Structures are given as C-alpha cells and as structure tokens.
Amino acid sequence: MTELDEKRIATLHPALQLRARDHYHRCHAVGINFRFTQCYRSLAEQAVLFAKGRNPVGQIVSPREVVTMAPAGRSWHNFGLAYD
C-alpha cells in the first residue's frame, strides 16, 4: 500500500479504515490491484463534483459530464463513510 493510499484511508471514519485496508489486502492477494482515489470529501469538493454537467439550479444539461448524483451533504464521502 502506498503512502498516499494510507493518507487517504486515514481520512475515513475509524470504523471504515480497518475494512478499507482489509479490502485492499484481500484484492491484492488475488491479483487485483487498485488505488484509493477518493475517501473523505469536503462539502465544497462535493459541490464542485455535483455541479459538473449541471446548470446553476442543478438540472442536468450535459449527462456525459455528470460525476455524481449526490449534492453536498448527501454523499457518504462527506462523512468519511465511502471510498473509491
């Protein structure tokens, strides 16, 4: 596991950190390699992602650009309870 993976895992809720590490090691044990790209996201970061592909009132105008369906405060990432 890289230092960056560890840094990202450290932003997760303590109860999820152990599971994320276990998930990582189980995958690597069977030849599946991955990186943690996103763990905790601030409300501001989530708002930026939610705005992609949407107009100022939140309506989808460019479906191919949409990154997430969860606005700020409605993503598990905002609480340190999800990782990608």
PDB file of N, CA and C in Angstrom:
ATOM      1  N   MET A   1       0.854  -1.172   0.000  1.00  0.00           N
ATOM      2  CA  MET A   1       0.000   0.000   0.000  1.00  0.00           C
ATOM      3  C   MET A   1       0.899   1.234   0.000  1.00  0.00           C
ATOM      4  N   THR A   2       0.546   2.208  -0.803  1.00  0.00           N
ATOM      5  CA  THR A   2       1.375   3.405  -0.889  1.00  0.00           C
ATOM      6  C   THR A   2       1.096   4.360   0.269  1.00  0.00           C
ATOM      7  N   GLU A   3       2.000   5.291   0.438  1.00  0.00           N
ATOM      8  CA  GLU A   3       1.831   6.317   1.464  1.00  0.00           C
ATOM      9  C   GLU A   3       0.579   7.157   1.164  1.00  0.00           C
ATOM     10  N   LEU A   4       0.328   7.422  -0.114  1.00  0.00           N
ATOM     11  CA  LEU A   4      -0.855   8.195  -0.494  1.00  0.00           C
ATOM     12  C   LEU A   4      -2.133   7.429  -0.172  1.00  0.00           C
ATOM     13  N   ASP A   5      -2.149   6.112  -0.437  1.00  0.00           N
ATOM     14  CA  ASP A   5      -3.316   5.301  -0.065  1.00  0.00           C
ATOM     15  C   ASP A   5      -3.563   5.401   1.435  1.00  0.00           C
ATOM     16  N   GLU A   6      -2.509   5.255   2.218  1.00  0.00           N
ATOM     17  CA  GLU A   6      -2.638   5.337   3.683  1.00  0.00           C
ATOM     18  C   GLU A   6      -3.149   6.704   4.122  1.00  0.00           C
ATOM     19  N   LYS A   7      -2.627   7.747   3.486  1.00  0.00           N
ATOM     20  CA  LYS A   7      -3.064   9.111   3.821  1.00  0.00           C
ATOM     21  C   LYS A   7      -4.565   9.269   3.557  1.00  0.00           C
ATOM     22  N   ARG A   8      -5.022   8.734   2.433  1.00  0.00           N
ATOM     23  CA  ARG A   8      -6.448   8.835   2.095  1.00  0.00           C
ATOM     24  C   ARG A   8      -7.302   7.990   3.032  1.00  0.00           C
ATOM     25  N   ILE A   9      -6.858   6.784   3.339  1.00  0.00           N
ATOM     26  CA  ILE A   9      -7.601   5.921   4.260  1.00  0.00           C
ATOM     27  C   ILE A   9      -7.741   6.595   5.626  1.00  0.00           C
ATOM     28  N   ALA A  10      -6.718   7.315   6.037  1.00  0.00           N
ATOM     29  CA  ALA A  10      -6.737   7.987   7.352  1.00  0.00           C
ATOM     30  C   ALA A  10      -7.847   9.029   7.449  1.00  0.00           C
ATOM     31  N   THR A  11      -8.413   9.468   6.313  1.00  0.00           N
ATOM     32  CA  THR A  11      -9.495  10.455   6.353  1.00  0.00           C
ATOM     33  C   THR A  11     -10.863   9.799   6.555  1.00  0.00           C
ATOM     34  N   LEU A  12     -10.896   8.477   6.491  1.00  0.00           N
ATOM     35  CA  LEU A  12     -12.159   7.765   6.661  1.00  0.00           C
ATOM     36  C   LEU A  12     -12.549   7.670   8.135  1.00  0.00           C
ATOM     37  N   HIS A  13     -13.814   7.403   8.372  1.00  0.00           N
ATOM     38  CA  HIS A  13     -14.302   7.132   9.722  1.00  0.00           C
ATOM     39  C   HIS A  13     -13.472   5.963  10.276  1.00  0.00           C
ATOM     40  N   PRO A  14     -13.076   6.011  11.540  1.00  0.00           N
ATOM     41  CA  PRO A  14     -12.236   4.946  12.103  1.00  0.00           C
ATOM     42  C   PRO A  14     -12.779   3.530  11.881  1.00  0.00           C
ATOM     43  N   ALA A  15     -14.080   3.361  11.946  1.00  0.00           N
ATOM     44  CA  ALA A  15     -14.662   2.027  11.749  1.00  0.00           C
ATOM     45  C   ALA A  15     -14.481   1.530  10.315  1.00  0.00           C
ATOM     46  N   LEU A  16     -14.355   2.422   9.368  1.00  0.00           N
ATOM     47  CA  LEU A  16     -14.198   2.024   7.973  1.00  0.00           C
ATOM     48  C   LEU A  16     -12.732   1.856   7.587  1.00  0.00           C
ATOM     49  N   GLN A  17     -11.832   2.482   8.294  1.00  0.00           N
ATOM     50  CA  GLN A  17     -10.411   2.383   7.964  1.00  0.00           C
ATOM     51  C   GLN A  17      -9.922   0.939   7.955  1.00  0.00           C
ATOM     52  N   LEU A  18     -10.281   0.179   8.956  1.00  0.00           N
ATOM     53  CA  LEU A  18      -9.872  -1.216   9.047  1.00  0.00           C
ATOM     54  C   LEU A  18     -10.436  -2.026   7.871  1.00  0.00           C
ATOM     55  N   ARG A  19     -11.692  -1.798   7.545  1.00  0.00           N
ATOM     56  CA  ARG A  19     -12.315  -2.515   6.423  1.00  0.00           C
ATOM     57  C   ARG A  19     -11.677  -2.147   5.091  1.00  0.00           C
ATOM     58  N   ALA A  20     -11.330  -0.872   4.918  1.00  0.00           N
ATOM     59  CA  ALA A  20     -10.710  -0.432   3.671  1.00  0.00           C
ATOM     60  C   ALA A  20      -9.344  -1.097   3.505  1.00  0.00           C
ATOM     61  N   ARG A  21      -8.574  -1.153   4.560  1.00  0.00           N
ATOM     62  CA  ARG A  21      -7.262  -1.815   4.493  1.00  0.00           C
ATOM     63  C   ARG A  21      -7.422  -3.301   4.195  1.00  0.00           C
ATOM     64  N   ASP A  22      -8.395  -3.935   4.849  1.00  0.00           N
ATOM     65  CA  ASP A  22      -8.659  -5.357   4.613  1.00  0.00           C
ATOM     66  C   ASP A  22      -9.071  -5.579   3.152  1.00  0.00           C
ATOM     67  N   HIS A  23      -9.937  -4.734   2.640  1.00  0.00           N
ATOM     68  CA  HIS A  23     -10.386  -4.816   1.255  1.00  0.00           C
ATOM     69  C   HIS A  23      -9.189  -4.728   0.316  1.00  0.00           C
ATOM     70  N   TYR A  24      -8.338  -3.760   0.562  1.00  0.00           N
ATOM     71  CA  TYR A  24      -7.140  -3.569  -0.243  1.00  0.00           C
ATOM     72  C   TYR A  24      -6.269  -4.837  -0.243  1.00  0.00           C
ATOM     73  N   HIS A  25      -5.987  -5.377   0.934  1.00  0.00           N
ATOM     74  CA  HIS A  25      -5.101  -6.545   1.033  1.00  0.00           C
ATOM     75  C   HIS A  25      -5.731  -7.801   0.439  1.00  0.00           C
ATOM     76  N   ARG A  26      -7.032  -7.981   0.612  1.00  0.00           N
ATOM     77  CA  ARG A  26      -7.703  -9.142   0.011  1.00  0.00           C
ATOM     78  C   ARG A  26      -7.656  -9.082  -1.513  1.00  0.00           C
ATOM     79  N   CYS A  27      -7.873  -7.898  -2.045  1.00  0.00           N
ATOM     80  CA  CYS A  27      -7.820  -7.744  -3.507  1.00  0.00           C
ATOM     81  C   CYS A  27      -6.420  -8.012  -4.038  1.00  0.00           C
ATOM     82  N   HIS A  28      -5.433  -7.429  -3.400  1.00  0.00           N
ATOM     83  CA  HIS A  28      -4.049  -7.629  -3.844  1.00  0.00           C
ATOM     84  C   HIS A  28      -3.628  -9.092  -3.726  1.00  0.00           C
ATOM     85  N   ALA A  29      -4.151  -9.797  -2.731  1.00  0.00           N
ATOM     86  CA  ALA A  29      -3.806 -11.209  -2.542  1.00  0.00           C
ATOM     87  C   ALA A  29      -4.257 -12.079  -3.713  1.00  0.00           C
ATOM     88  N   VAL A  30      -5.294 -11.649  -4.422  1.00  0.00           N
ATOM     89  CA  VAL A  30      -5.786 -12.427  -5.576  1.00  0.00           C
ATOM     90  C   VAL A  30      -5.450 -11.750  -6.898  1.00  0.00           C
ATOM     91  N   GLY A  31      -4.538 -10.789  -6.848  1.00  0.00           N
ATOM     92  CA  GLY A  31      -4.055 -10.177  -8.085  1.00  0.00           C
ATOM     93  C   GLY A  31      -4.842  -8.983  -8.589  1.00  0.00           C
ATOM     94  N   ILE A  32      -5.726  -8.449  -7.771  1.00  0.00           N
ATOM     95  CA  ILE A  32      -6.484  -7.253  -8.161  1.00  0.00           C
ATOM     96  C   ILE A  32      -5.795  -6.039  -7.552  1.00  0.00           C
ATOM     97  N   ASN A  33      -5.272  -5.191  -8.396  1.00  0.00           N
ATOM     98  CA  ASN A  33      -4.568  -4.004  -7.925  1.00  0.00           C
ATOM     99  C   ASN A  33      -5.444  -2.770  -8.082  1.00  0.00           C
ATOM    100  N   PHE A  34      -5.514  -1.977  -7.061  1.00  0.00           N
ATOM    101  CA  PHE A  34      -6.255  -0.718  -7.151  1.00  0.00           C
ATOM    102  C   PHE A  34      -5.639   0.308  -6.227  1.00  0.00           C
ATOM    103  N   ARG A  35      -6.071   1.543  -6.411  1.00  0.00           N
ATOM    104  CA  ARG A  35      -5.628   2.667  -5.581  1.00  0.00           C
ATOM    105  C   ARG A  35      -6.862   3.322  -4.977  1.00  0.00           C
ATOM    106  N   PHE A  36      -6.688   3.933  -3.840  1.00  0.00           N
ATOM    107  CA  PHE A  36      -7.746   4.736  -3.249  1.00  0.00           C
ATOM    108  C   PHE A  36      -7.644   6.126  -3.882  1.00  0.00           C
ATOM    109  N   THR A  37      -8.630   6.494  -4.671  1.00  0.00           N
ATOM    110  CA  THR A  37      -8.585   7.791  -5.341  1.00  0.00           C
ATOM    111  C   THR A  37      -9.334   8.861  -4.573  1.00  0.00           C
ATOM    112  N   GLN A  38     -10.386   8.471  -3.884  1.00  0.00           N
ATOM    113  CA  GLN A  38     -11.182   9.411  -3.092  1.00  0.00           C
ATOM    114  C   GLN A  38     -11.658   8.700  -1.837  1.00  0.00           C
ATOM    115  N   CYS A  39     -11.548   9.379  -0.734  1.00  0.00           N
ATOM    116  CA  CYS A  39     -12.123   8.879   0.513  1.00  0.00           C
ATOM    117  C   CYS A  39     -13.015  10.007   1.043  1.00  0.00           C
ATOM    118  N   TYR A  40     -12.590  10.686   2.110  1.00  0.00           N
ATOM    119  CA  TYR A  40     -13.378  11.820   2.594  1.00  0.00           C
ATOM    120  C   TYR A  40     -13.384  12.931   1.552  1.00  0.00           C
ATOM    121  N   ARG A  41     -14.549  13.555   1.366  1.00  0.00           N
ATOM    122  CA  ARG A  41     -14.678  14.751   0.525  1.00  0.00           C
ATOM    123  C   ARG A  41     -15.359  15.827   1.336  1.00  0.00           C
ATOM    124  N   SER A  42     -14.830  17.031   1.278  1.00  0.00           N
ATOM    125  CA  SER A  42     -15.475  18.154   1.961  1.00  0.00           C
ATOM    126  C   SER A  42     -16.777  18.496   1.238  1.00  0.00           C
ATOM    127  N   LEU A  43     -17.610  19.277   1.888  1.00  0.00           N
ATOM    128  CA  LEU A  43     -18.855  19.709   1.246  1.00  0.00           C
ATOM    129  C   LEU A  43     -18.542  20.533   0.002  1.00  0.00           C
ATOM    130  N   ALA A  44     -17.507  21.356   0.068  1.00  0.00           N
ATOM    131  CA  ALA A  44     -17.120  22.177  -1.091  1.00  0.00           C
ATOM    132  C   ALA A  44     -16.671  21.299  -2.260  1.00  0.00           C
ATOM    133  N   GLU A  45     -15.873  20.274  -1.977  1.00  0.00           N
ATOM    134  CA  GLU A  45     -15.429  19.359  -3.039  1.00  0.00           C
ATOM    135  C   GLU A  45     -16.617  18.630  -3.658  1.00  0.00           C
ATOM    136  N   GLN A  46     -17.559  18.217  -2.811  1.00  0.00           N
ATOM    137  CA  GLN A  46     -18.742  17.513  -3.304  1.00  0.00           C
ATOM    138  C   GLN A  46     -19.589  18.444  -4.168  1.00  0.00           C
ATOM    139  N   ALA A  47     -19.709  19.685  -3.776  1.00  0.00           N
ATOM    140  CA  ALA A  47     -20.493  20.655  -4.548  1.00  0.00           C
ATOM    141  C   ALA A  47     -19.889  20.863  -5.936  1.00  0.00           C
ATOM    142  N   VAL A  48     -18.569  20.922  -6.014  1.00  0.00           N
ATOM    143  CA  VAL A  48     -17.900  21.078  -7.311  1.00  0.00           C
ATOM    144  C   VAL A  48     -18.178  19.865  -8.195  1.00  0.00           C
ATOM    145  N   LEU A  49     -18.074  18.669  -7.632  1.00  0.00           N
ATOM    146  CA  LEU A  49     -18.347  17.460  -8.418  1.00  0.00           C
ATOM    147  C   LEU A  49     -19.803  17.405  -8.852  1.00  0.00           C
ATOM    148  N   PHE A  50     -20.711  17.763  -7.943  1.00  0.00           N
ATOM    149  CA  PHE A  50     -22.140  17.726  -8.270  1.00  0.00           C
ATOM    150  C   PHE A  50     -22.484  18.715  -9.377  1.00  0.00           C
ATOM    151  N   ALA A  51     -21.802  19.829  -9.440  1.00  0.00           N
ATOM    152  CA  ALA A  51     -22.093  20.864 -10.442  1.00  0.00           C
ATOM    153  C   ALA A  51     -21.699  20.455 -11.856  1.00  0.00           C
ATOM    154  N   LYS A  52     -20.815  19.487 -11.985  1.00  0.00           N
ATOM    155  CA  LYS A  52     -20.366  19.076 -13.320  1.00  0.00           C
ATOM    156  C   LYS A  52     -21.530  18.523 -14.136  1.00  0.00           C
ATOM    157  N   GLY A  53     -21.729  19.119 -15.304  1.00  0.00           N
ATOM    158  CA  GLY A  53     -22.799  18.687 -16.187  1.00  0.00           C
ATOM    159  C   GLY A  53     -24.162  19.251 -15.844  1.00  0.00           C
ATOM    160  N   ARG A  54     -24.214  20.192 -14.893  1.00  0.00           N
ATOM    161  CA  ARG A  54     -25.483  20.767 -14.459  1.00  0.00           C
ATOM    162  C   ARG A  54     -25.479  22.280 -14.629  1.00  0.00           C
ATOM    163  N   ASN A  55     -26.680  22.834 -14.736  1.00  0.00           N
ATOM    164  CA  ASN A  55     -26.808  24.296 -14.771  1.00  0.00           C
ATOM    165  C   ASN A  55     -26.825  24.808 -13.331  1.00  0.00           C
ATOM    166  N   PRO A  56     -26.860  26.135 -13.124  1.00  0.00           N
ATOM    167  CA  PRO A  56     -26.799  26.691 -11.755  1.00  0.00           C
ATOM    168  C   PRO A  56     -27.896  26.230 -10.796  1.00  0.00           C
ATOM    169  N   VAL A  57     -29.030  25.760 -11.312  1.00  0.00           N
ATOM    170  CA  VAL A  57     -30.090  25.281 -10.411  1.00  0.00           C
ATOM    171  C   VAL A  57     -30.052  23.767 -10.223  1.00  0.00           C
ATOM    172  N   GLY A  58     -29.023  23.121 -10.774  1.00  0.00           N
ATOM    173  CA  GLY A  58     -28.830  21.689 -10.536  1.00  0.00           C
ATOM    174  C   GLY A  58     -29.435  20.752 -11.553  1.00  0.00           C
ATOM    175  N   GLN A  59     -30.021  21.290 -12.604  1.00  0.00           N
ATOM    176  CA  GLN A  59     -30.595  20.420 -13.635  1.00  0.00           C
ATOM    177  C   GLN A  59     -29.485  19.909 -14.549  1.00  0.00           C
ATOM    178  N   ILE A  60     -29.568  18.647 -14.904  1.00  0.00           N
ATOM    179  CA  ILE A  60     -28.566  18.063 -15.792  1.00  0.00           C
ATOM    180  C   ILE A  60     -28.740  18.623 -17.195  1.00  0.00           C
ATOM    181  N   VAL A  61     -27.661  19.182 -17.709  1.00  0.00           N
ATOM    182  CA  VAL A  61     -27.673  19.732 -19.069  1.00  0.00           C
ATOM    183  C   VAL A  61     -26.686  19.003 -19.973  1.00  0.00           C
ATOM    184  N   SER A  62     -25.749  18.304 -19.373  1.00  0.00           N
ATOM    185  CA  SER A  62     -24.757  17.548 -20.136  1.00  0.00           C
ATOM    186  C   SER A  62     -24.508  16.219 -19.412  1.00  0.00           C
ATOM    187  N   PRO A  63     -25.347  15.223 -19.668  1.00  0.00           N
ATOM    188  CA  PRO A  63     -25.265  13.949 -18.935  1.00  0.00           C
ATOM    189  C   PRO A  63     -23.885  13.294 -18.939  1.00  0.00           C
ATOM    190  N   ARG A  64     -23.142  13.441 -20.011  1.00  0.00           N
ATOM    191  CA  ARG A  64     -21.817  12.812 -20.084  1.00  0.00           C
ATOM    192  C   ARG A  64     -20.829  13.425 -19.095  1.00  0.00           C
ATOM    193  N   GLU A  65     -21.099  14.634 -18.638  1.00  0.00           N
ATOM    194  CA  GLU A  65     -20.188  15.313 -17.715  1.00  0.00           C
ATOM    195  C   GLU A  65     -20.547  15.082 -16.246  1.00  0.00           C
ATOM    196  N   VAL A  66     -21.711  14.507 -15.993  1.00  0.00           N
ATOM    197  CA  VAL A  66     -22.153  14.285 -14.611  1.00  0.00           C
ATOM    198  C   VAL A  66     -21.226  13.286 -13.929  1.00  0.00           C
ATOM    199  N   VAL A  67     -20.771  13.650 -12.732  1.00  0.00           N
ATOM    200  CA  VAL A  67     -19.840  12.825 -11.970  1.00  0.00           C
ATOM    201  C   VAL A  67     -20.557  12.103 -10.828  1.00  0.00           C
ATOM    202  N   THR A  68     -21.506  12.782 -10.204  1.00  0.00           N
ATOM    203  CA  THR A  68     -22.210  12.217  -9.052  1.00  0.00           C
ATOM    204  C   THR A  68     -23.655  12.698  -9.034  1.00  0.00           C
ATOM    205  N   MET A  69     -24.501  11.900  -8.438  1.00  0.00           N
ATOM    206  CA  MET A  69     -25.900  12.284  -8.276  1.00  0.00           C
ATOM    207  C   MET A  69     -26.145  12.862  -6.885  1.00  0.00           C
ATOM    208  N   ALA A  70     -25.126  12.846  -6.032  1.00  0.00           N
ATOM    209  CA  ALA A  70     -25.285  13.297  -4.648  1.00  0.00           C
ATOM    210  C   ALA A  70     -24.794  14.732  -4.467  1.00  0.00           C
ATOM    211  N   PRO A  71     -25.681  15.637  -4.067  1.00  0.00           N
ATOM    212  CA  PRO A  71     -25.227  17.003  -3.769  1.00  0.00           C
ATOM    213  C   PRO A  71     -24.452  17.023  -2.456  1.00  0.00           C
ATOM    214  N   ALA A  72     -23.823  18.140  -2.179  1.00  0.00           N
ATOM    215  CA  ALA A  72     -23.058  18.291  -0.938  1.00  0.00           C
ATOM    216  C   ALA A  72     -23.934  17.970   0.273  1.00  0.00           C
ATOM    217  N   GLY A  73     -23.393  17.172   1.172  1.00  0.00           N
ATOM    218  CA  GLY A  73     -24.123  16.773   2.368  1.00  0.00           C
ATOM    219  C   GLY A  73     -24.952  15.516   2.197  1.00  0.00           C
ATOM    220  N   ARG A  74     -25.030  15.003   0.965  1.00  0.00           N
ATOM    221  CA  ARG A  74     -25.834  13.810   0.697  1.00  0.00           C
ATOM    222  C   ARG A  74     -24.980  12.636   0.208  1.00  0.00           C
ATOM    223  N   SER A  75     -23.669  12.801   0.232  1.00  0.00           N
ATOM    224  CA  SER A  75     -22.751  11.739  -0.193  1.00  0.00           C
ATOM    225  C   SER A  75     -22.118  11.100   1.038  1.00  0.00           C
ATOM    226  N   TRP A  76     -21.969   9.798   1.007  1.00  0.00           N
ATOM    227  CA  TRP A  76     -21.299   9.103   2.098  1.00  0.00           C
ATOM    228  C   TRP A  76     -19.861   9.596   2.246  1.00  0.00           C
ATOM    229  N   HIS A  77     -19.275  10.069   1.145  1.00  0.00           N
ATOM    230  CA  HIS A  77     -17.919  10.608   1.193  1.00  0.00           C
ATOM    231  C   HIS A  77     -17.817  11.796   2.148  1.00  0.00           C
ATOM    232  N   ASN A  78     -18.879  12.598   2.263  1.00  0.00           N
ATOM    233  CA  ASN A  78     -18.865  13.774   3.115  1.00  0.00           C
ATOM    234  C   ASN A  78     -18.760  13.435   4.601  1.00  0.00           C
ATOM    235  N   PHE A  79     -18.959  12.180   4.921  1.00  0.00           N
ATOM    236  CA  PHE A  79     -18.915  11.737   6.316  1.00  0.00           C
ATOM    237  C   PHE A  79     -17.793  10.732   6.555  1.00  0.00           C
ATOM    238  N   GLY A  80     -16.929  10.548   5.544  1.00  0.00           N
ATOM    239  CA  GLY A  80     -15.826   9.598   5.673  1.00  0.00           C
ATOM    240  C   GLY A  80     -16.287   8.161   5.672  1.00  0.00           C
ATOM    241  N   LEU A  81     -17.425   7.906   5.018  1.00  0.00           N
ATOM    242  CA  LEU A  81     -18.010   6.560   5.018  1.00  0.00           C
ATOM    243  C   LEU A  81     -18.023   5.902   3.652  1.00  0.00           C
ATOM    244  N   ALA A  82     -17.198   6.403   2.734  1.00  0.00           N
ATOM    245  CA  ALA A  82     -17.115   5.795   1.399  1.00  0.00           C
ATOM    246  C   ALA A  82     -15.723   6.021   0.831  1.00  0.00           C
ATOM    247  N   TYR A  83     -15.351   5.133  -0.066  1.00  0.00           N
ATOM    248  CA  TYR A  83     -14.082   5.319  -0.781  1.00  0.00           C
ATOM    249  C   TYR A  83     -14.215   4.804  -2.200  1.00  0.00           C
ATOM    250  N   ASP A  84     -13.439   5.408  -3.061  1.00  0.00           N
ATOM    251  CA  ASP A  84     -13.357   4.986  -4.463  1.00  0.00           C
ATOM    252  C   ASP A  84     -11.911   4.621  -4.718  1.00  0.00           C
TER     253      ASP A  84
END
